[in-house]
Amino acid sequence: MIKVSVMYPNTPGNRFDHVYYRDKHMPLVKARMGSNCKYYTVDKGLAGGTPGAPPTYVGMCHIFCDSVESFQAGFAPHMQEILGDIPNYTNLTPVLQISEVVVGKD
């Protein structure tokens, strides 16, 4: 299994609409990817690693798929629509990482 992490750095002057991201954007991603997306999670940054530090990322999602190929098969045909929705909830440029899940949930 792989995890596609899309992270939005917490930078001064950023705009990030968590409600839109949670209620509209991520359901759009799941709907377009269909069964290629096994499930996803959405995170809202609360704090950094030291007391009083701001979060490194204001928000992020993790999309779980069987393989890199299944992610690409689900995402690529809808990439323009999905990426075109980003300005509706943020002015930030996301950082993407694809990882192999070596320990998962039980």
PDB file of N, CA and C in Angstrom:
ATOM      1  N   MET A   1       0.855  -1.178   0.000  1.00  0.00           N
ATOM      2  CA  MET A   1       0.000   0.000   0.000  1.00  0.00           C
ATOM      3  C   MET A   1       0.893   1.230   0.000  1.00  0.00           C
ATOM      4  N   ILE A   2       0.414   2.284  -0.655  1.00  0.00           N
ATOM      5  CA  ILE A   2       1.140   3.555  -0.662  1.00  0.00           C
ATOM      6  C   ILE A   2       0.250   4.649  -0.088  1.00  0.00           C
ATOM      7  N   LYS A   3       0.923   5.713   0.326  1.00  0.00           N
ATOM      8  CA  LYS A   3       0.233   6.893   0.861  1.00  0.00           C
ATOM      9  C   LYS A   3       0.750   8.104   0.102  1.00  0.00           C
ATOM     10  N   VAL A   4      -0.172   8.861  -0.449  1.00  0.00           N
ATOM     11  CA  VAL A   4       0.172  10.113  -1.118  1.00  0.00           C
ATOM     12  C   VAL A   4      -0.164  11.230  -0.130  1.00  0.00           C
ATOM     13  N   SER A   5       0.871  11.906   0.345  1.00  0.00           N
ATOM     14  CA  SER A   5       0.692  13.007   1.299  1.00  0.00           C
ATOM     15  C   SER A   5       0.770  14.321   0.551  1.00  0.00           C
ATOM     16  N   VAL A   6      -0.246  15.151   0.727  1.00  0.00           N
ATOM     17  CA  VAL A   6      -0.283  16.488   0.129  1.00  0.00           C
ATOM     18  C   VAL A   6      -0.323  17.461   1.292  1.00  0.00           C
ATOM     19  N   MET A   7       0.760  18.242   1.425  1.00  0.00           N
ATOM     20  CA  MET A   7       0.942  19.085   2.610  1.00  0.00           C
ATOM     21  C   MET A   7       1.025  20.554   2.197  1.00  0.00           C
ATOM     22  N   TYR A   8       0.400  21.400   2.991  1.00  0.00           N
ATOM     23  CA  TYR A   8       0.355  22.825   2.711  1.00  0.00           C
ATOM     24  C   TYR A   8       1.144  23.566   3.776  1.00  0.00           C
ATOM     25  N   PRO A   9       2.357  24.078   3.424  1.00  0.00           N
ATOM     26  CA  PRO A   9       3.208  24.755   4.406  1.00  0.00           C
ATOM     27  C   PRO A   9       2.506  25.959   5.031  1.00  0.00           C
ATOM     28  N   ASN A  10       2.698  26.100   6.326  1.00  0.00           N
ATOM     29  CA  ASN A  10       2.117  27.209   7.081  1.00  0.00           C
ATOM     30  C   ASN A  10       3.019  28.428   6.915  1.00  0.00           C
ATOM     31  N   THR A  11       2.679  29.273   5.966  1.00  0.00           N
ATOM     32  CA  THR A  11       3.484  30.466   5.694  1.00  0.00           C
ATOM     33  C   THR A  11       2.687  31.716   6.048  1.00  0.00           C
ATOM     34  N   PRO A  12       3.385  32.781   6.463  1.00  0.00           N
ATOM     35  CA  PRO A  12       2.684  34.024   6.808  1.00  0.00           C
ATOM     36  C   PRO A  12       1.830  34.531   5.648  1.00  0.00           C
ATOM     37  N   GLY A  13       0.640  34.990   5.965  1.00  0.00           N
ATOM     38  CA  GLY A  13      -0.259  35.536   4.967  1.00  0.00           C
ATOM     39  C   GLY A  13      -0.997  34.493   4.161  1.00  0.00           C
ATOM     40  N   ASN A  14      -0.890  33.236   4.584  1.00  0.00           N
ATOM     41  CA  ASN A  14      -1.572  32.189   3.826  1.00  0.00           C
ATOM     42  C   ASN A  14      -3.075  32.244   4.023  1.00  0.00           C
ATOM     43  N   ARG A  15      -3.762  31.619   3.092  1.00  0.00           N
ATOM     44  CA  ARG A  15      -5.216  31.459   3.182  1.00  0.00           C
ATOM     45  C   ARG A  15      -5.501  29.980   2.991  1.00  0.00           C
ATOM     46  N   PHE A  16      -6.223  29.401   3.934  1.00  0.00           N
ATOM     47  CA  PHE A  16      -6.574  27.987   3.834  1.00  0.00           C
ATOM     48  C   PHE A  16      -7.938  27.781   4.467  1.00  0.00           C
ATOM     49  N   ASP A  17      -8.911  27.390   3.653  1.00  0.00           N
ATOM     50  CA  ASP A  17     -10.279  27.176   4.108  1.00  0.00           C
ATOM     51  C   ASP A  17     -10.449  25.685   4.430  1.00  0.00           C
ATOM     52  N   HIS A  18     -10.312  25.363   5.719  1.00  0.00           N
ATOM     53  CA  HIS A  18     -10.370  23.964   6.154  1.00  0.00           C
ATOM     54  C   HIS A  18     -11.733  23.323   5.873  1.00  0.00           C
ATOM     55  N   VAL A  19     -12.797  24.083   6.012  1.00  0.00           N
ATOM     56  CA  VAL A  19     -14.136  23.533   5.788  1.00  0.00           C
ATOM     57  C   VAL A  19     -14.300  23.149   4.315  1.00  0.00           C
ATOM     58  N   TYR A  20     -13.904  24.026   3.416  1.00  0.00           N
ATOM     59  CA  TYR A  20     -13.999  23.712   1.986  1.00  0.00           C
ATOM     60  C   TYR A  20     -13.141  22.498   1.659  1.00  0.00           C
ATOM     61  N   TYR A  21     -11.924  22.477   2.175  1.00  0.00           N
ATOM     62  CA  TYR A  21     -10.997  21.369   1.906  1.00  0.00           C
ATOM     63  C   TYR A  21     -11.596  20.039   2.358  1.00  0.00           C
ATOM     64  N   ARG A  22     -12.133  20.027   3.567  1.00  0.00           N
ATOM     65  CA  ARG A  22     -12.708  18.808   4.154  1.00  0.00           C
ATOM     66  C   ARG A  22     -14.014  18.402   3.466  1.00  0.00           C
ATOM     67  N   ASP A  23     -14.895  19.360   3.241  1.00  0.00           N
ATOM     68  CA  ASP A  23     -16.256  19.055   2.788  1.00  0.00           C
ATOM     69  C   ASP A  23     -16.447  19.037   1.277  1.00  0.00           C
ATOM     70  N   LYS A  24     -15.558  19.692   0.525  1.00  0.00           N
ATOM     71  CA  LYS A  24     -15.750  19.774  -0.928  1.00  0.00           C
ATOM     72  C   LYS A  24     -14.571  19.199  -1.719  1.00  0.00           C
ATOM     73  N   HIS A  25     -13.356  19.686  -1.404  1.00  0.00           N
ATOM     74  CA  HIS A  25     -12.209  19.277  -2.223  1.00  0.00           C
ATOM     75  C   HIS A  25     -11.882  17.795  -2.079  1.00  0.00           C
ATOM     76  N   MET A  26     -11.745  17.329  -0.860  1.00  0.00           N
ATOM     77  CA  MET A  26     -11.365  15.924  -0.690  1.00  0.00           C
ATOM     78  C   MET A  26     -12.464  14.958  -1.137  1.00  0.00           C
ATOM     79  N   PRO A  27     -13.751  15.246  -0.906  1.00  0.00           N
ATOM     80  CA  PRO A  27     -14.772  14.378  -1.507  1.00  0.00           C
ATOM     81  C   PRO A  27     -14.714  14.385  -3.038  1.00  0.00           C
ATOM     82  N   LEU A  28     -14.346  15.521  -3.645  1.00  0.00           N
ATOM     83  CA  LEU A  28     -14.164  15.585  -5.092  1.00  0.00           C
ATOM     84  C   LEU A  28     -13.042  14.643  -5.522  1.00  0.00           C
ATOM     85  N   VAL A  29     -11.917  14.695  -4.812  1.00  0.00           N
ATOM     86  CA  VAL A  29     -10.786  13.822  -5.125  1.00  0.00           C
ATOM     87  C   VAL A  29     -11.220  12.357  -5.051  1.00  0.00           C
ATOM     88  N   LYS A  30     -11.877  11.987  -3.964  1.00  0.00           N
ATOM     89  CA  LYS A  30     -12.320  10.604  -3.785  1.00  0.00           C
ATOM     90  C   LYS A  30     -13.301  10.194  -4.879  1.00  0.00           C
ATOM     91  N   ALA A  31     -14.247  11.058  -5.202  1.00  0.00           N
ATOM     92  CA  ALA A  31     -15.236  10.739  -6.231  1.00  0.00           C
ATOM     93  C   ALA A  31     -14.571  10.516  -7.587  1.00  0.00           C
ATOM     94  N   ARG A  32     -13.610  11.348  -7.928  1.00  0.00           N
ATOM     95  CA  ARG A  32     -12.954  11.221  -9.228  1.00  0.00           C
ATOM     96  C   ARG A  32     -12.034  10.000  -9.266  1.00  0.00           C
ATOM     97  N   MET A  33     -11.358   9.718  -8.166  1.00  0.00           N
ATOM     98  CA  MET A  33     -10.427   8.581  -8.142  1.00  0.00           C
ATOM     99  C   MET A  33     -11.147   7.245  -8.014  1.00  0.00           C
ATOM    100  N   GLY A  34     -12.368   7.263  -7.491  1.00  0.00           N
ATOM    101  CA  GLY A  34     -13.137   6.030  -7.354  1.00  0.00           C
ATOM    102  C   GLY A  34     -12.419   4.994  -6.504  1.00  0.00           C
ATOM    103  N   SER A  35     -12.455   3.751  -6.947  1.00  0.00           N
ATOM    104  CA  SER A  35     -11.875   2.657  -6.164  1.00  0.00           C
ATOM    105  C   SER A  35     -10.349   2.681  -6.128  1.00  0.00           C
ATOM    106  N   ASN A  36      -9.723   3.545  -6.939  1.00  0.00           N
ATOM    107  CA  ASN A  36      -8.267   3.690  -6.866  1.00  0.00           C
ATOM    108  C   ASN A  36      -7.834   4.326  -5.549  1.00  0.00           C
ATOM    109  N   CYS A  37      -8.736   5.073  -4.912  1.00  0.00           N
ATOM    110  CA  CYS A  37      -8.488   5.649  -3.583  1.00  0.00           C
ATOM    111  C   CYS A  37      -9.191   4.750  -2.573  1.00  0.00           C
ATOM    112  N   LYS A  38      -8.407   4.015  -1.805  1.00  0.00           N
ATOM    113  CA  LYS A  38      -9.004   3.124  -0.800  1.00  0.00           C
ATOM    114  C   LYS A  38      -9.690   3.948   0.289  1.00  0.00           C
ATOM    115  N   TYR A  39      -8.994   4.984   0.775  1.00  0.00           N
ATOM    116  CA  TYR A  39      -9.543   5.938   1.739  1.00  0.00           C
ATOM    117  C   TYR A  39      -8.577   7.099   1.847  1.00  0.00           C
ATOM    118  N   TYR A  40      -8.997   8.141   2.534  1.00  0.00           N
ATOM    119  CA  TYR A  40      -8.118   9.290   2.752  1.00  0.00           C
ATOM    120  C   TYR A  40      -8.353   9.831   4.151  1.00  0.00           C
ATOM    121  N   THR A  41      -7.371  10.610   4.615  1.00  0.00           N
ATOM    122  CA  THR A  41      -7.501  11.331   5.878  1.00  0.00           C
ATOM    123  C   THR A  41      -7.187  12.800   5.613  1.00  0.00           C
ATOM    124  N   VAL A  42      -7.714  13.665   6.467  1.00  0.00           N
ATOM    125  CA  VAL A  42      -7.469  15.101   6.381  1.00  0.00           C
ATOM    126  C   VAL A  42      -6.969  15.561   7.748  1.00  0.00           C
ATOM    127  N   ASP A  43      -5.878  16.326   7.751  1.00  0.00           N
ATOM    128  CA  ASP A  43      -5.291  16.850   8.985  1.00  0.00           C
ATOM    129  C   ASP A  43      -5.349  18.371   8.987  1.00  0.00           C
ATOM    130  N   LYS A  44      -5.540  18.939  10.170  1.00  0.00           N
ATOM    131  CA  LYS A  44      -5.496  20.387  10.377  1.00  0.00           C
ATOM    132  C   LYS A  44      -4.363  20.661  11.357  1.00  0.00           C
ATOM    133  N   GLY A  45      -3.361  21.433  10.930  1.00  0.00           N
ATOM    134  CA  GLY A  45      -2.207  21.719  11.781  1.00  0.00           C
ATOM    135  C   GLY A  45      -2.600  22.501  13.021  1.00  0.00           C
ATOM    136  N   LEU A  46      -2.072  22.047  14.167  1.00  0.00           N
ATOM    137  CA  LEU A  46      -2.365  22.717  15.439  1.00  0.00           C
ATOM    138  C   LEU A  46      -1.147  23.385  16.064  1.00  0.00           C
ATOM    139  N   ALA A  47       0.004  22.714  16.032  1.00  0.00           N
ATOM    140  CA  ALA A  47       1.195  23.249  16.700  1.00  0.00           C
ATOM    141  C   ALA A  47       2.439  22.621  16.108  1.00  0.00           C
ATOM    142  N   GLY A  48       3.566  23.266  16.368  1.00  0.00           N
ATOM    143  CA  GLY A  48       4.856  22.735  15.948  1.00  0.00           C
ATOM    144  C   GLY A  48       5.441  21.834  17.025  1.00  0.00           C
ATOM    145  N   GLY A  49       6.705  21.512  16.855  1.00  0.00           N
ATOM    146  CA  GLY A  49       7.359  20.570  17.759  1.00  0.00           C
ATOM    147  C   GLY A  49       7.802  21.124  19.092  1.00  0.00           C
ATOM    148  N   THR A  50       7.808  22.444  19.234  1.00  0.00           N
ATOM    149  CA  THR A  50       8.194  23.048  20.509  1.00  0.00           C
ATOM    150  C   THR A  50       7.027  23.861  21.050  1.00  0.00           C
ATOM    151  N   PRO A  51       6.963  24.029  22.366  1.00  0.00           N
ATOM    152  CA  PRO A  51       5.842  24.778  22.946  1.00  0.00           C
ATOM    153  C   PRO A  51       5.688  26.166  22.307  1.00  0.00           C
ATOM    154  N   GLY A  52       4.482  26.468  21.900  1.00  0.00           N
ATOM    155  CA  GLY A  52       4.180  27.775  21.315  1.00  0.00           C
ATOM    156  C   GLY A  52       4.529  27.930  19.850  1.00  0.00           C
ATOM    157  N   ALA A  53       5.161  26.918  19.255  1.00  0.00           N
ATOM    158  CA  ALA A  53       5.534  27.010  17.837  1.00  0.00           C
ATOM    159  C   ALA A  53       4.307  26.770  16.955  1.00  0.00           C
ATOM    160  N   PRO A  54       4.213  27.485  15.855  1.00  0.00           N
ATOM    161  CA  PRO A  54       3.095  27.259  14.933  1.00  0.00           C
ATOM    162  C   PRO A  54       3.290  25.928  14.206  1.00  0.00           C
ATOM    163  N   PRO A  55       2.223  25.377  13.644  1.00  0.00           N
ATOM    164  CA  PRO A  55       2.357  24.121  12.905  1.00  0.00           C
ATOM    165  C   PRO A  55       3.207  24.310  11.653  1.00  0.00           C
ATOM    166  N   THR A  56       3.941  23.287  11.288  1.00  0.00           N
ATOM    167  CA  THR A  56       4.744  23.324  10.062  1.00  0.00           C
ATOM    168  C   THR A  56       3.843  23.372   8.837  1.00  0.00           C
ATOM    169  N   TYR A  57       2.739  22.628   8.907  1.00  0.00           N
ATOM    170  CA  TYR A  57       1.769  22.583   7.812  1.00  0.00           C
ATOM    171  C   TYR A  57       0.413  23.016   8.345  1.00  0.00           C
ATOM    172  N   VAL A  58      -0.264  23.888   7.604  1.00  0.00           N
ATOM    173  CA  VAL A  58      -1.585  24.372   8.011  1.00  0.00           C
ATOM    174  C   VAL A  58      -2.643  23.298   7.786  1.00  0.00           C
ATOM    175  N   GLY A  59      -2.423  22.458   6.785  1.00  0.00           N
ATOM    176  CA  GLY A  59      -3.342  21.373   6.485  1.00  0.00           C
ATOM    177  C   GLY A  59      -2.665  20.355   5.608  1.00  0.00           C
ATOM    178  N   MET A  60      -3.217  19.157   5.583  1.00  0.00           N
ATOM    179  CA  MET A  60      -2.693  18.106   4.720  1.00  0.00           C
ATOM    180  C   MET A  60      -3.721  17.007   4.550  1.00  0.00           C
ATOM    181  N   CYS A  61      -3.504  16.205   3.522  1.00  0.00           N
ATOM    182  CA  CYS A  61      -4.309  15.008   3.337  1.00  0.00           C
ATOM    183  C   CYS A  61      -3.374  13.863   3.034  1.00  0.00           C
ATOM    184  N   HIS A  62      -3.884  12.660   3.248  1.00  0.00           N
ATOM    185  CA  HIS A  62      -3.147  11.442   2.935  1.00  0.00           C
ATOM    186  C   HIS A  62      -4.117  10.540   2.182  1.00  0.00           C
ATOM    187  N   ILE A  63      -3.757  10.196   0.963  1.00  0.00           N
ATOM    188  CA  ILE A  63      -4.587   9.366   0.099  1.00  0.00           C
ATOM    189  C   ILE A  63      -3.943   7.982   0.047  1.00  0.00           C
ATOM    190  N   PHE A  64      -4.699   6.957   0.412  1.00  0.00           N
ATOM    191  CA  PHE A  64      -4.178   5.597   0.469  1.00  0.00           C
ATOM    192  C   PHE A  64      -4.636   4.815  -0.755  1.00  0.00           C
ATOM    193  N   CYS A  65      -3.662   4.209  -1.436  1.00  0.00           N
ATOM    194  CA  CYS A  65      -3.915   3.460  -2.665  1.00  0.00           C
ATOM    195  C   CYS A  65      -3.117   2.159  -2.630  1.00  0.00           C
ATOM    196  N   ASP A  66      -3.502   1.227  -3.486  1.00  0.00           N
ATOM    197  CA  ASP A  66      -2.785  -0.045  -3.549  1.00  0.00           C
ATOM    198  C   ASP A  66      -1.364   0.111  -4.071  1.00  0.00           C
ATOM    199  N   SER A  67      -1.164   1.042  -5.011  1.00  0.00           N
ATOM    200  CA  SER A  67       0.146   1.198  -5.646  1.00  0.00           C
ATOM    201  C   SER A  67       0.265   2.596  -6.246  1.00  0.00           C
ATOM    202  N   VAL A  68       1.482   2.939  -6.630  1.00  0.00           N
ATOM    203  CA  VAL A  68       1.694   4.210  -7.327  1.00  0.00           C
ATOM    204  C   VAL A  68       0.882   4.205  -8.628  1.00  0.00           C
ATOM    205  N   GLU A  69       0.859   3.069  -9.292  1.00  0.00           N
ATOM    206  CA  GLU A  69       0.127   2.960 -10.552  1.00  0.00           C
ATOM    207  C   GLU A  69      -1.367   3.168 -10.354  1.00  0.00           C
ATOM    208  N   SER A  70      -1.921   2.651  -9.272  1.00  0.00           N
ATOM    209  CA  SER A  70      -3.357   2.848  -9.036  1.00  0.00           C
ATOM    210  C   SER A  70      -3.650   4.308  -8.699  1.00  0.00           C
ATOM    211  N   PHE A  71      -2.741   4.969  -7.980  1.00  0.00           N
ATOM    212  CA  PHE A  71      -2.923   6.403  -7.730  1.00  0.00           C
ATOM    213  C   PHE A  71      -2.930   7.159  -9.056  1.00  0.00           C
ATOM    214  N   GLN A  72      -1.935   6.892  -9.876  1.00  0.00           N
ATOM    215  CA  GLN A  72      -1.829   7.599 -11.152  1.00  0.00           C
ATOM    216  C   GLN A  72      -3.030   7.323 -12.053  1.00  0.00           C
ATOM    217  N   ALA A  73      -3.510   6.093 -12.052  1.00  0.00           N
ATOM    218  CA  ALA A  73      -4.665   5.738 -12.878  1.00  0.00           C
ATOM    219  C   ALA A  73      -5.920   6.482 -12.432  1.00  0.00           C
ATOM    220  N   GLY A  74      -6.059   6.704 -11.118  1.00  0.00           N
ATOM    221  CA  GLY A  74      -7.226   7.403 -10.608  1.00  0.00           C
ATOM    222  C   GLY A  74      -7.111   8.917 -10.683  1.00  0.00           C
ATOM    223  N   PHE A  75      -5.902   9.426 -10.493  1.00  0.00           N
ATOM    224  CA  PHE A  75      -5.690  10.870 -10.408  1.00  0.00           C
ATOM    225  C   PHE A  75      -5.487  11.528 -11.778  1.00  0.00           C
ATOM    226  N   ALA A  76      -4.650  10.923 -12.600  1.00  0.00           N
ATOM    227  CA  ALA A  76      -4.239  11.561 -13.860  1.00  0.00           C
ATOM    228  C   ALA A  76      -5.398  12.002 -14.756  1.00  0.00           C
ATOM    229  N   PRO A  77      -6.436  11.185 -14.954  1.00  0.00           N
ATOM    230  CA  PRO A  77      -7.516  11.617 -15.851  1.00  0.00           C
ATOM    231  C   PRO A  77      -8.290  12.842 -15.332  1.00  0.00           C
ATOM    232  N   HIS A  78      -8.166  13.126 -14.042  1.00  0.00           N
ATOM    233  CA  HIS A  78      -8.920  14.217 -13.418  1.00  0.00           C
ATOM    234  C   HIS A  78      -8.015  15.303 -12.841  1.00  0.00           C
ATOM    235  N   MET A  79      -6.739  15.220 -13.161  1.00  0.00           N
ATOM    236  CA  MET A  79      -5.756  16.131 -12.568  1.00  0.00           C
ATOM    237  C   MET A  79      -6.101  17.594 -12.803  1.00  0.00           C
ATOM    238  N   GLN A  80      -6.490  17.949 -13.997  1.00  0.00           N
ATOM    239  CA  GLN A  80      -6.787  19.354 -14.303  1.00  0.00           C
ATOM    240  C   GLN A  80      -7.936  19.860 -13.427  1.00  0.00           C
ATOM    241  N   GLU A  81      -8.985  19.077 -13.283  1.00  0.00           N
ATOM    242  CA  GLU A  81     -10.123  19.476 -12.455  1.00  0.00           C
ATOM    243  C   GLU A  81      -9.733  19.575 -10.981  1.00  0.00           C
ATOM    244  N   ILE A  82      -9.012  18.583 -10.489  1.00  0.00           N
ATOM    245  CA  ILE A  82      -8.621  18.559  -9.072  1.00  0.00           C
ATOM    246  C   ILE A  82      -7.687  19.720  -8.755  1.00  0.00           C
ATOM    247  N   LEU A  83      -6.648  19.897  -9.567  1.00  0.00           N
ATOM    248  CA  LEU A  83      -5.707  21.001  -9.321  1.00  0.00           C
ATOM    249  C   LEU A  83      -6.376  22.354  -9.528  1.00  0.00           C
ATOM    250  N   GLY A  84      -7.336  22.425 -10.440  1.00  0.00           N
ATOM    251  CA  GLY A  84      -8.065  23.661 -10.684  1.00  0.00           C
ATOM    252  C   GLY A  84      -8.931  24.091  -9.512  1.00  0.00           C
ATOM    253  N   ASP A  85      -9.229  23.156  -8.612  1.00  0.00           N
ATOM    254  CA  ASP A  85     -10.043  23.463  -7.436  1.00  0.00           C
ATOM    255  C   ASP A  85      -9.214  24.073  -6.297  1.00  0.00           C
ATOM    256  N   ILE A  86      -7.897  23.952  -6.348  1.00  0.00           N
ATOM    257  CA  ILE A  86      -7.038  24.427  -5.257  1.00  0.00           C
ATOM    258  C   ILE A  86      -7.281  25.898  -4.915  1.00  0.00           C
ATOM    259  N   PRO A  87      -7.384  26.818  -5.882  1.00  0.00           N
ATOM    260  CA  PRO A  87      -7.609  28.224  -5.527  1.00  0.00           C
ATOM    261  C   PRO A  87      -8.901  28.478  -4.750  1.00  0.00           C
ATOM    262  N   ASN A  88      -9.825  27.531  -4.766  1.00  0.00           N
ATOM    263  CA  ASN A  88     -11.067  27.697  -4.012  1.00  0.00           C
ATOM    264  C   ASN A  88     -10.860  27.587  -2.503  1.00  0.00           C
ATOM    265  N   TYR A  89      -9.738  27.018  -2.067  1.00  0.00           N
ATOM    266  CA  TYR A  89      -9.513  26.886  -0.623  1.00  0.00           C
ATOM    267  C   TYR A  89      -8.160  27.398  -0.132  1.00  0.00           C
ATOM    268  N   THR A  90      -7.218  27.678  -1.040  1.00  0.00           N
ATOM    269  CA  THR A  90      -5.924  28.165  -0.556  1.00  0.00           C
ATOM    270  C   THR A  90      -5.165  28.932  -1.631  1.00  0.00           C
ATOM    271  N   ASN A  91      -4.211  29.727  -1.158  1.00  0.00           N
ATOM    272  CA  ASN A  91      -3.266  30.394  -2.043  1.00  0.00           C
ATOM    273  C   ASN A  91      -1.873  29.776  -1.898  1.00  0.00           C
ATOM    274  N   LEU A  92      -1.787  28.649  -1.203  1.00  0.00           N
ATOM    275  CA  LEU A  92      -0.517  27.966  -0.962  1.00  0.00           C
ATOM    276  C   LEU A  92      -0.225  26.947  -2.060  1.00  0.00           C
ATOM    277  N   THR A  93       1.055  26.664  -2.258  1.00  0.00           N
ATOM    278  CA  THR A  93       1.483  25.621  -3.178  1.00  0.00           C
ATOM    279  C   THR A  93       1.717  24.352  -2.364  1.00  0.00           C
ATOM    280  N   PRO A  94       1.015  23.273  -2.683  1.00  0.00           N
ATOM    281  CA  PRO A  94       1.179  22.051  -1.901  1.00  0.00           C
ATOM    282  C   PRO A  94       2.507  21.353  -2.172  1.00  0.00           C
ATOM    283  N   VAL A  95       2.946  20.610  -1.166  1.00  0.00           N
ATOM    284  CA  VAL A  95       4.122  19.749  -1.262  1.00  0.00           C
ATOM    285  C   VAL A  95       3.595  18.321  -1.280  1.00  0.00           C
ATOM    286  N   LEU A  96       4.057  17.516  -2.221  1.00  0.00           N
ATOM    287  CA  LEU A  96       3.549  16.152  -2.377  1.00  0.00           C
ATOM    288  C   LEU A  96       4.652  15.138  -2.117  1.00  0.00           C
ATOM    289  N   GLN A  97       4.299  14.070  -1.429  1.00  0.00           N
ATOM    290  CA  GLN A  97       5.219  12.954  -1.233  1.00  0.00           C
ATOM    291  C   GLN A  97       4.443  11.654  -1.338  1.00  0.00           C
ATOM    292  N   ILE A  98       5.023  10.684  -2.034  1.00  0.00           N
ATOM    293  CA  ILE A  98       4.449   9.343  -2.111  1.00  0.00           C
ATOM    294  C   ILE A  98       5.341   8.425  -1.293  1.00  0.00           C
ATOM    295  N   SER A  99       4.724   7.694  -0.376  1.00  0.00           N
ATOM    296  CA  SER A  99       5.458   6.816   0.533  1.00  0.00           C
ATOM    297  C   SER A  99       4.874   5.412   0.501  1.00  0.00           C
ATOM    298  N   GLU A 100       5.709   4.443   0.806  1.00  0.00           N
ATOM    299  CA  GLU A 100       5.232   3.086   1.028  1.00  0.00           C
ATOM    300  C   GLU A 100       4.803   2.987   2.473  1.00  0.00           C
ATOM    301  N   VAL A 101       3.613   2.460   2.725  1.00  0.00           N
ATOM    302  CA  VAL A 101       3.138   2.258   4.086  1.00  0.00           C
ATOM    303  C   VAL A 101       3.719   0.935   4.573  1.00  0.00           C
ATOM    304  N   VAL A 102       4.623   1.016   5.562  1.00  0.00           N
ATOM    305  CA  VAL A 102       5.262  -0.204   6.065  1.00  0.00           C
ATOM    306  C   VAL A 102       4.585  -0.719   7.334  1.00  0.00           C
ATOM    307  N   VAL A 103       3.872   0.142   8.036  1.00  0.00           N
ATOM    308  CA  VAL A 103       3.037  -0.245   9.177  1.00  0.00           C
ATOM    309  C   VAL A 103       1.738   0.521   9.030  1.00  0.00           C
ATOM    310  N   GLY A 104       0.622  -0.187   9.029  1.00  0.00           N
ATOM    311  CA  GLY A 104      -0.667   0.455   8.840  1.00  0.00           C
ATOM    312  C   GLY A 104      -1.557   0.269  10.034  1.00  0.00           C
ATOM    313  N   LYS A 105      -2.785   0.678   9.872  1.00  0.00           N
ATOM    314  CA  LYS A 105      -3.764   0.529  10.945  1.00  0.00           C
ATOM    315  C   LYS A 105      -4.218  -0.912  11.040  1.00  0.00           C
ATOM    316  N   ASP A 106      -4.656  -1.306  12.222  1.00  0.00           N
ATOM    317  CA  ASP A 106      -5.169  -2.656  12.421  1.00  0.00           C
ATOM    318  C   ASP A 106      -6.650  -2.704  12.239  1.00  0.00           C
TER     319      ASP A 106
END
